[in-house]
Amino acid sequence: MTDSAYRLEGRTALVTGASKGIGRAIATAFARQGADLAITARNVSELEETAEQACRHGVRVIVCPADFSAAHQVASATSRAIDEFGRIDILVNNAAIIHPRIDLMDMEIEMWREVIEVNLNAVALITKSVLPAMIPHGRGDIINISSIGGRKGARGRSAYRVTKAALISLTESLAAELHQYGINVNCICPGGTDTEGYREAFSSRGRAENPRLMHPREIAELAVFLASNSSSAITGASIDAFGKTNPLFA
């Protein structure tokens, strides 16, 4: 996207799970459109790689490492971003755990709790933390990254799909709550996407093995649209971006 309608100059975005995959693609796409960035994830070296890519576009980027299974680290990352930039205009809730296929009866309760904590509770916490820095400006955009798995349950995917379904409902609730402040809240539901997390969870070689998988940049382009002024009429929407994994094509 190069159209001026999608430019994000003068805006600051906080992108979670930005060390790789969809999060990295969104962060670099935002930088390409002129947004300053605060990026967070657990892996510092991979975050710095994302920052290096984003800085090539002449924007300011700060790295805020955080483990989203720990509430105090979530709050700390948000505070650092606000202290550095003074405001957050765009929040992308992308950080998530993709667990291997495992039936609930065989799942350790610690795994269930960690998935819920990272994929859902941390989203609520970081959103709540960002709002005081977003509301006074009378505008803002929150983009939650759900999944095709948020649309329907599946065997061995219970914890992950429960959280992704919850994000769709959370998006609608927050859109209703925040509309009065000029803040739009929307959700993207990607289909199969060739990310490091996907490859690890499913022991896959990605697009080399399954060419139907999308590239992360396809989701990033949709995120740019939702963060831009061009999407001002859209809030409370959950947009399916299934690519060639769309069940309609099965």
C-alpha atoms as a PDB file:
ATOM      1  CA  MET A   1       0.000   0.000   0.000  1.00  0.00           C
ATOM      2  CA  THR A   2       1.423   3.388  -0.992  1.00  0.00           C
ATOM      3  CA  ASP A   3      -1.758   5.430  -1.405  1.00  0.00           C
ATOM      4  CA  SER A   4      -1.724   8.574   0.744  1.00  0.00           C
ATOM      5  CA  ALA A   5      -5.100   7.518   2.189  1.00  0.00           C
ATOM      6  CA  TYR A   6      -3.258   4.881   4.203  1.00  0.00           C
ATOM      7  CA  ARG A   7      -0.461   7.082   5.565  1.00  0.00           C
ATOM      8  CA  LEU A   8       0.045   7.023   9.346  1.00  0.00           C
ATOM      9  CA  GLU A   9       2.483   9.910   9.907  1.00  0.00           C
ATOM     10  CA  GLY A  10       2.196  11.618  13.278  1.00  0.00           C
ATOM     11  CA  ARG A  11       0.711   8.515  14.883  1.00  0.00           C
ATOM     12  CA  THR A  12       2.218   6.056  17.333  1.00  0.00           C
ATOM     13  CA  ALA A  13       1.406   2.357  17.277  1.00  0.00           C
ATOM     14  CA  LEU A  14       1.946  -0.276  19.962  1.00  0.00           C
ATOM     15  CA  VAL A  15       2.212  -3.731  18.381  1.00  0.00           C
ATOM     16  CA  THR A  16       2.351  -6.832  20.560  1.00  0.00           C
ATOM     17  CA  GLY A  17       3.908 -10.095  19.462  1.00  0.00           C
ATOM     18  CA  ALA A  18       6.042  -8.090  17.024  1.00  0.00           C
ATOM     19  CA  SER A  19       9.140 -10.295  17.085  1.00  0.00           C
ATOM     20  CA  LYS A  20       8.074 -12.375  14.085  1.00  0.00           C
ATOM     21  CA  GLY A  21       5.192 -13.538  11.908  1.00  0.00           C
ATOM     22  CA  ILE A  22       2.092 -11.403  11.597  1.00  0.00           C
ATOM     23  CA  GLY A  23       3.231  -9.006  14.336  1.00  0.00           C
ATOM     24  CA  ARG A  24       6.511  -8.235  12.591  1.00  0.00           C
ATOM     25  CA  ALA A  25       4.727  -7.813   9.261  1.00  0.00           C
ATOM     26  CA  ILE A  26       2.249  -5.355  10.801  1.00  0.00           C
ATOM     27  CA  ALA A  27       4.975  -3.374  12.571  1.00  0.00           C
ATOM     28  CA  THR A  28       7.048  -2.966   9.411  1.00  0.00           C
ATOM     29  CA  ALA A  29       3.968  -2.132   7.339  1.00  0.00           C
ATOM     30  CA  PHE A  30       3.005   0.593   9.820  1.00  0.00           C
ATOM     31  CA  ALA A  31       6.557   1.957   9.717  1.00  0.00           C
ATOM     32  CA  ARG A  32       6.397   2.027   5.929  1.00  0.00           C
ATOM     33  CA  GLN A  33       3.323   4.246   6.268  1.00  0.00           C
ATOM     34  CA  GLY A  34       5.121   6.602   8.672  1.00  0.00           C
ATOM     35  CA  ALA A  35       3.956   5.486  12.134  1.00  0.00           C
ATOM     36  CA  ASP A  36       6.309   5.550  15.108  1.00  0.00           C
ATOM     37  CA  LEU A  37       6.370   2.227  16.929  1.00  0.00           C
ATOM     38  CA  ALA A  38       6.558   0.595  20.315  1.00  0.00           C
ATOM     39  CA  ILE A  39       6.997  -3.130  19.792  1.00  0.00           C
ATOM     40  CA  THR A  40       6.795  -5.862  22.369  1.00  0.00           C
ATOM     41  CA  ALA A  41       7.355  -9.613  22.643  1.00  0.00           C
ATOM     42  CA  ARG A  42       9.433 -12.006  24.723  1.00  0.00           C
ATOM     43  CA  ASN A  43      12.432 -12.488  22.432  1.00  0.00           C
ATOM     44  CA  VAL A  44      14.679  -9.416  22.595  1.00  0.00           C
ATOM     45  CA  SER A  45      16.964 -10.306  19.686  1.00  0.00           C
ATOM     46  CA  GLU A  46      14.028 -10.953  17.358  1.00  0.00           C
ATOM     47  CA  LEU A  47      12.369  -7.710  18.476  1.00  0.00           C
ATOM     48  CA  GLU A  48      15.561  -5.853  17.625  1.00  0.00           C
ATOM     49  CA  GLU A  49      15.477  -7.413  14.151  1.00  0.00           C
ATOM     50  CA  THR A  50      11.950  -6.059  13.705  1.00  0.00           C
ATOM     51  CA  ALA A  51      13.078  -2.658  14.965  1.00  0.00           C
ATOM     52  CA  GLU A  52      15.969  -2.625  12.495  1.00  0.00           C
ATOM     53  CA  GLN A  53      13.613  -3.339   9.603  1.00  0.00           C
ATOM     54  CA  ALA A  54      11.148  -0.667  10.742  1.00  0.00           C
ATOM     55  CA  CYS A  55      13.815   2.004  11.288  1.00  0.00           C
ATOM     56  CA  ARG A  56      14.773   1.800   7.625  1.00  0.00           C
ATOM     57  CA  HIS A  57      11.617   3.800   6.962  1.00  0.00           C
ATOM     58  CA  GLY A  58      12.810   6.744   9.052  1.00  0.00           C
ATOM     59  CA  VAL A  59      10.456   6.306  12.012  1.00  0.00           C
ATOM     60  CA  ARG A  60      11.156   6.106  15.728  1.00  0.00           C
ATOM     61  CA  VAL A  61      11.014   2.618  17.214  1.00  0.00           C
ATOM     62  CA  ILE A  62      11.375   1.477  20.807  1.00  0.00           C
ATOM     63  CA  VAL A  63      11.707  -2.118  21.939  1.00  0.00           C
ATOM     64  CA  CYS A  64       9.686  -3.096  25.025  1.00  0.00           C
ATOM     65  CA  PRO A  65      10.379  -6.745  25.891  1.00  0.00           C
ATOM     66  CA  ALA A  66       7.618  -8.423  27.890  1.00  0.00           C
ATOM     67  CA  ASP A  67       6.301 -11.861  28.746  1.00  0.00           C
ATOM     68  CA  PHE A  68       2.532 -11.568  28.371  1.00  0.00           C
ATOM     69  CA  SER A  69       1.932 -14.412  30.793  1.00  0.00           C
ATOM     70  CA  ALA A  70       3.102 -11.992  33.523  1.00  0.00           C
ATOM     71  CA  ALA A  71       0.663  -9.127  34.144  1.00  0.00           C
ATOM     72  CA  HIS A  72       3.272  -6.773  35.599  1.00  0.00           C
ATOM     73  CA  GLN A  73       5.390  -7.058  32.437  1.00  0.00           C
ATOM     74  CA  VAL A  74       2.403  -6.179  30.261  1.00  0.00           C
ATOM     75  CA  ALA A  75       1.793  -3.038  32.312  1.00  0.00           C
ATOM     76  CA  SER A  76       5.489  -2.151  32.259  1.00  0.00           C
ATOM     77  CA  ALA A  77       5.695  -2.371  28.463  1.00  0.00           C
ATOM     78  CA  THR A  78       2.688  -0.089  28.092  1.00  0.00           C
ATOM     79  CA  SER A  79       4.077   2.439  30.557  1.00  0.00           C
ATOM     80  CA  ARG A  80       7.386   2.602  28.741  1.00  0.00           C
ATOM     81  CA  ALA A  81       5.685   3.217  25.409  1.00  0.00           C
ATOM     82  CA  ILE A  82       3.550   6.014  26.831  1.00  0.00           C
ATOM     83  CA  ASP A  83       6.504   7.573  28.652  1.00  0.00           C
ATOM     84  CA  GLU A  84       8.532   7.585  25.430  1.00  0.00           C
ATOM     85  CA  PHE A  85       5.903   8.881  23.003  1.00  0.00           C
ATOM     86  CA  GLY A  86       3.367  10.553  25.279  1.00  0.00           C
ATOM     87  CA  ARG A  87       0.501   8.896  23.462  1.00  0.00           C
ATOM     88  CA  ILE A  88      -0.654   5.698  21.795  1.00  0.00           C
ATOM     89  CA  ASP A  89      -2.876   6.146  18.753  1.00  0.00           C
ATOM     90  CA  ILE A  90      -3.002   2.557  17.500  1.00  0.00           C
ATOM     91  CA  LEU A  91      -2.936  -0.675  19.485  1.00  0.00           C
ATOM     92  CA  VAL A  92      -2.518  -4.032  17.765  1.00  0.00           C
ATOM     93  CA  ASN A  93      -3.189  -7.007  20.037  1.00  0.00           C
ATOM     94  CA  ASN A  94      -1.359  -9.767  18.207  1.00  0.00           C
ATOM     95  CA  ALA A  95       0.663 -11.659  20.845  1.00  0.00           C
ATOM     96  CA  ALA A  96      -0.583 -15.221  21.202  1.00  0.00           C
ATOM     97  CA  ILE A  97       0.355 -18.798  21.989  1.00  0.00           C
ATOM     98  CA  ILE A  98      -0.499 -21.491  19.433  1.00  0.00           C
ATOM     99  CA  HIS A  99      -0.538 -24.831  21.222  1.00  0.00           C
ATOM    100  CA  PRO A 100      -0.059 -28.181  19.456  1.00  0.00           C
ATOM    101  CA  ARG A 101      -3.109 -30.302  18.763  1.00  0.00           C
ATOM    102  CA  ILE A 102      -4.073 -31.866  22.066  1.00  0.00           C
ATOM    103  CA  ASP A 103      -7.419 -32.955  23.487  1.00  0.00           C
ATOM    104  CA  LEU A 104      -8.548 -31.171  26.638  1.00  0.00           C
ATOM    105  CA  MET A 105      -8.420 -34.390  28.666  1.00  0.00           C
ATOM    106  CA  ASP A 106      -4.713 -34.688  27.852  1.00  0.00           C
ATOM    107  CA  MET A 107      -3.821 -31.013  28.286  1.00  0.00           C
ATOM    108  CA  GLU A 108      -1.894 -29.912  31.354  1.00  0.00           C
ATOM    109  CA  ILE A 109      -3.868 -27.267  33.226  1.00  0.00           C
ATOM    110  CA  GLU A 110      -0.762 -25.064  33.221  1.00  0.00           C
ATOM    111  CA  MET A 111      -0.883 -24.971  29.412  1.00  0.00           C
ATOM    112  CA  TRP A 112      -4.584 -24.064  29.460  1.00  0.00           C
ATOM    113  CA  ARG A 113      -3.945 -21.237  31.910  1.00  0.00           C
ATOM    114  CA  GLU A 114      -0.967 -19.865  29.979  1.00  0.00           C
ATOM    115  CA  VAL A 115      -2.898 -19.771  26.701  1.00  0.00           C
ATOM    116  CA  ILE A 116      -5.824 -17.982  28.356  1.00  0.00           C
ATOM    117  CA  GLU A 117      -3.457 -15.565  30.101  1.00  0.00           C
ATOM    118  CA  VAL A 118      -1.488 -14.582  27.006  1.00  0.00           C
ATOM    119  CA  ASN A 119      -4.187 -14.749  24.332  1.00  0.00           C
ATOM    120  CA  LEU A 120      -7.042 -13.149  26.272  1.00  0.00           C
ATOM    121  CA  ASN A 121      -6.262 -11.737  29.707  1.00  0.00           C
ATOM    122  CA  ALA A 122      -3.197  -9.832  28.485  1.00  0.00           C
ATOM    123  CA  VAL A 123      -5.275  -8.297  25.684  1.00  0.00           C
ATOM    124  CA  ALA A 124      -7.767  -6.926  28.201  1.00  0.00           C
ATOM    125  CA  LEU A 125      -4.977  -5.667  30.446  1.00  0.00           C
ATOM    126  CA  ILE A 126      -2.939  -3.892  27.785  1.00  0.00           C
ATOM    127  CA  THR A 127      -6.067  -2.353  26.259  1.00  0.00           C
ATOM    128  CA  LYS A 128      -7.138  -1.045  29.645  1.00  0.00           C
ATOM    129  CA  SER A 129      -3.624   0.323  30.194  1.00  0.00           C
ATOM    130  CA  VAL A 130      -3.525   2.134  26.842  1.00  0.00           C
ATOM    131  CA  LEU A 131      -6.944   3.803  27.015  1.00  0.00           C
ATOM    132  CA  PRO A 132      -5.984   6.660  29.380  1.00  0.00           C
ATOM    133  CA  ALA A 133      -3.360   7.721  26.820  1.00  0.00           C
ATOM    134  CA  MET A 134      -5.750   7.319  23.868  1.00  0.00           C
ATOM    135  CA  ILE A 135      -9.076   8.739  25.052  1.00  0.00           C
ATOM    136  CA  PRO A 136      -7.932  12.372  25.601  1.00  0.00           C
ATOM    137  CA  HIS A 137      -7.034  12.709  21.913  1.00  0.00           C
ATOM    138  CA  GLY A 138     -10.575  11.922  20.776  1.00  0.00           C
ATOM    139  CA  ARG A 139      -9.502   9.241  18.330  1.00  0.00           C
ATOM    140  CA  GLY A 140      -7.742   5.906  18.191  1.00  0.00           C
ATOM    141  CA  ASP A 141      -7.737   2.464  16.658  1.00  0.00           C
ATOM    142  CA  ILE A 142      -7.557  -0.902  18.384  1.00  0.00           C
ATOM    143  CA  ILE A 143      -7.019  -3.971  16.218  1.00  0.00           C
ATOM    144  CA  ASN A 144      -7.358  -7.426  17.726  1.00  0.00           C
ATOM    145  CA  ILE A 145      -5.885 -10.383  15.872  1.00  0.00           C
ATOM    146  CA  SER A 146      -8.235 -13.347  16.220  1.00  0.00           C
ATOM    147  CA  SER A 147      -8.204 -16.333  13.849  1.00  0.00           C
ATOM    148  CA  ILE A 148     -10.227 -18.521  11.554  1.00  0.00           C
ATOM    149  CA  GLY A 149     -10.221 -20.662  14.703  1.00  0.00           C
ATOM    150  CA  GLY A 150     -12.293 -18.024  16.468  1.00  0.00           C
ATOM    151  CA  ARG A 151     -15.202 -18.846  14.186  1.00  0.00           C
ATOM    152  CA  LYS A 152     -15.549 -22.522  15.053  1.00  0.00           C
ATOM    153  CA  GLY A 153     -14.231 -25.081  17.514  1.00  0.00           C
ATOM    154  CA  ALA A 154     -12.084 -28.035  16.506  1.00  0.00           C
ATOM    155  CA  ARG A 155     -10.670 -31.140  18.118  1.00  0.00           C
ATOM    156  CA  GLY A 156      -7.372 -30.597  19.888  1.00  0.00           C
ATOM    157  CA  ARG A 157      -7.610 -26.805  19.591  1.00  0.00           C
ATOM    158  CA  SER A 158      -9.807 -25.963  22.586  1.00  0.00           C
ATOM    159  CA  ALA A 159      -7.691 -23.463  24.522  1.00  0.00           C
ATOM    160  CA  TYR A 160      -6.529 -21.547  21.446  1.00  0.00           C
ATOM    161  CA  ARG A 161      -9.910 -21.382  19.780  1.00  0.00           C
ATOM    162  CA  VAL A 162     -11.705 -20.383  22.983  1.00  0.00           C
ATOM    163  CA  THR A 163      -9.434 -17.342  23.285  1.00  0.00           C
ATOM    164  CA  LYS A 164      -9.814 -16.387  19.646  1.00  0.00           C
ATOM    165  CA  ALA A 165     -13.608 -16.617  19.848  1.00  0.00           C
ATOM    166  CA  ALA A 166     -13.476 -14.450  22.968  1.00  0.00           C
ATOM    167  CA  LEU A 167     -11.502 -11.780  21.108  1.00  0.00           C
ATOM    168  CA  ILE A 168     -14.329 -11.433  18.610  1.00  0.00           C
ATOM    169  CA  SER A 169     -16.803 -10.799  21.415  1.00  0.00           C
ATOM    170  CA  LEU A 170     -14.371  -8.488  23.216  1.00  0.00           C
ATOM    171  CA  THR A 171     -13.981  -6.474  20.023  1.00  0.00           C
ATOM    172  CA  GLU A 172     -17.731  -5.891  19.814  1.00  0.00           C
ATOM    173  CA  SER A 173     -17.997  -4.965  23.492  1.00  0.00           C
ATOM    174  CA  LEU A 174     -15.092  -2.521  23.357  1.00  0.00           C
ATOM    175  CA  ALA A 175     -16.395  -0.958  20.147  1.00  0.00           C
ATOM    176  CA  ALA A 176     -19.665  -0.201  21.929  1.00  0.00           C
ATOM    177  CA  GLU A 177     -17.869   1.191  24.985  1.00  0.00           C
ATOM    178  CA  LEU A 178     -15.311   3.334  23.149  1.00  0.00           C
ATOM    179  CA  HIS A 179     -17.318   4.735  20.251  1.00  0.00           C
ATOM    180  CA  GLN A 180     -18.151   7.818  22.334  1.00  0.00           C
ATOM    181  CA  TYR A 181     -14.431   8.643  22.522  1.00  0.00           C
ATOM    182  CA  GLY A 182     -13.807   8.369  18.785  1.00  0.00           C
ATOM    183  CA  ILE A 183     -11.982   5.046  19.162  1.00  0.00           C
ATOM    184  CA  ASN A 184     -12.666   2.315  16.629  1.00  0.00           C
ATOM    185  CA  VAL A 185     -12.153  -1.307  17.637  1.00  0.00           C
ATOM    186  CA  ASN A 186     -11.949  -4.008  15.002  1.00  0.00           C
ATOM    187  CA  CYS A 187     -10.766  -7.570  14.660  1.00  0.00           C
ATOM    188  CA  ILE A 188      -8.959  -9.538  11.971  1.00  0.00           C
ATOM    189  CA  CYS A 189      -9.532 -13.285  11.693  1.00  0.00           C
ATOM    190  CA  PRO A 190      -6.668 -14.704   9.612  1.00  0.00           C
ATOM    191  CA  GLY A 191      -6.866 -18.087   8.010  1.00  0.00           C
ATOM    192  CA  GLY A 192      -3.823 -20.309   7.713  1.00  0.00           C
ATOM    193  CA  THR A 193      -0.748 -18.088   7.614  1.00  0.00           C
ATOM    194  CA  ASP A 194       2.866 -19.090   7.175  1.00  0.00           C
ATOM    195  CA  THR A 195       4.356 -17.945  10.475  1.00  0.00           C
ATOM    196  CA  GLU A 196       7.010 -19.368  12.752  1.00  0.00           C
ATOM    197  CA  GLY A 197       4.310 -20.127  15.320  1.00  0.00           C
ATOM    198  CA  TYR A 198       2.263 -22.068  12.777  1.00  0.00           C
ATOM    199  CA  ARG A 199       5.285 -24.066  11.638  1.00  0.00           C
ATOM    200  CA  GLU A 200       6.250 -24.945  15.197  1.00  0.00           C
ATOM    201  CA  ALA A 201       2.742 -25.857  16.394  1.00  0.00           C
ATOM    202  CA  PHE A 202       1.999 -28.087  13.414  1.00  0.00           C
ATOM    203  CA  SER A 203       5.501 -29.350  12.590  1.00  0.00           C
ATOM    204  CA  SER A 204       5.051 -27.771   9.177  1.00  0.00           C
ATOM    205  CA  ARG A 205       7.381 -26.442   6.488  1.00  0.00           C
ATOM    206  CA  GLY A 206       4.900 -23.639   5.822  1.00  0.00           C
ATOM    207  CA  ARG A 207       4.147 -22.552   2.281  1.00  0.00           C
ATOM    208  CA  ALA A 208       6.739 -24.983   0.952  1.00  0.00           C
ATOM    209  CA  GLU A 209       4.481 -27.749   2.219  1.00  0.00           C
ATOM    210  CA  ASN A 210       1.102 -26.027   1.899  1.00  0.00           C
ATOM    211  CA  PRO A 211       0.991 -23.281  -0.766  1.00  0.00           C
ATOM    212  CA  ARG A 212      -2.554 -22.385   0.326  1.00  0.00           C
ATOM    213  CA  LEU A 213      -1.139 -20.610   3.386  1.00  0.00           C
ATOM    214  CA  MET A 214      -1.120 -16.830   3.314  1.00  0.00           C
ATOM    215  CA  HIS A 215       1.931 -14.628   3.745  1.00  0.00           C
ATOM    216  CA  PRO A 216       1.893 -12.448   6.909  1.00  0.00           C
ATOM    217  CA  ARG A 217       2.069  -9.299   4.765  1.00  0.00           C
ATOM    218  CA  GLU A 218      -1.461 -10.017   3.519  1.00  0.00           C
ATOM    219  CA  ILE A 219      -2.755  -9.572   7.066  1.00  0.00           C
ATOM    220  CA  ALA A 220      -0.496  -6.545   7.579  1.00  0.00           C
ATOM    221  CA  GLU A 221      -2.075  -4.739   4.641  1.00  0.00           C
ATOM    222  CA  LEU A 222      -5.513  -5.206   6.160  1.00  0.00           C
ATOM    223  CA  ALA A 223      -4.215  -3.901   9.502  1.00  0.00           C
ATOM    224  CA  VAL A 224      -2.868  -0.783   7.769  1.00  0.00           C
ATOM    225  CA  PHE A 225      -6.310  -0.137   6.295  1.00  0.00           C
ATOM    226  CA  LEU A 226      -8.004  -0.535   9.697  1.00  0.00           C
ATOM    227  CA  ALA A 227      -5.482   1.823  11.314  1.00  0.00           C
ATOM    228  CA  SER A 228      -5.884   4.474   8.622  1.00  0.00           C
ATOM    229  CA  ASN A 229      -8.449   7.208   8.135  1.00  0.00           C
ATOM    230  CA  SER A 230      -9.892   5.193   5.260  1.00  0.00           C
ATOM    231  CA  SER A 231     -11.598   2.854   7.743  1.00  0.00           C
ATOM    232  CA  SER A 232     -13.206   5.595   9.834  1.00  0.00           C
ATOM    233  CA  ALA A 233     -16.708   4.176   9.252  1.00  0.00           C
ATOM    234  CA  ILE A 234     -15.792   0.707  10.526  1.00  0.00           C
ATOM    235  CA  THR A 235     -15.961  -0.352  14.172  1.00  0.00           C
ATOM    236  CA  GLY A 236     -17.003  -3.526  15.951  1.00  0.00           C
ATOM    237  CA  ALA A 237     -16.243  -5.580  12.841  1.00  0.00           C
ATOM    238  CA  SER A 238     -14.468  -8.922  12.712  1.00  0.00           C
ATOM    239  CA  ILE A 239     -13.065  -9.343   9.229  1.00  0.00           C
ATOM    240  CA  ASP A 240     -12.351 -12.806   7.881  1.00  0.00           C
ATOM    241  CA  ALA A 241      -9.103 -12.925   5.903  1.00  0.00           C
ATOM    242  CA  PHE A 242      -8.924 -16.608   5.133  1.00  0.00           C
ATOM    243  CA  GLY A 243      -7.117 -16.518   1.783  1.00  0.00           C
ATOM    244  CA  LYS A 244      -7.014 -19.874   0.027  1.00  0.00           C
ATOM    245  CA  THR A 245      -7.803 -21.639   3.335  1.00  0.00           C
ATOM    246  CA  ASN A 246     -11.338 -20.253   3.167  1.00  0.00           C
ATOM    247  CA  PRO A 247     -13.789 -23.087   3.972  1.00  0.00           C
ATOM    248  CA  LEU A 248     -15.860 -21.937   1.000  1.00  0.00           C
ATOM    249  CA  PHE A 249     -13.173 -23.355  -1.254  1.00  0.00           C
ATOM    250  CA  ALA A 250     -13.051 -26.773   0.419  1.00  0.00           C
END
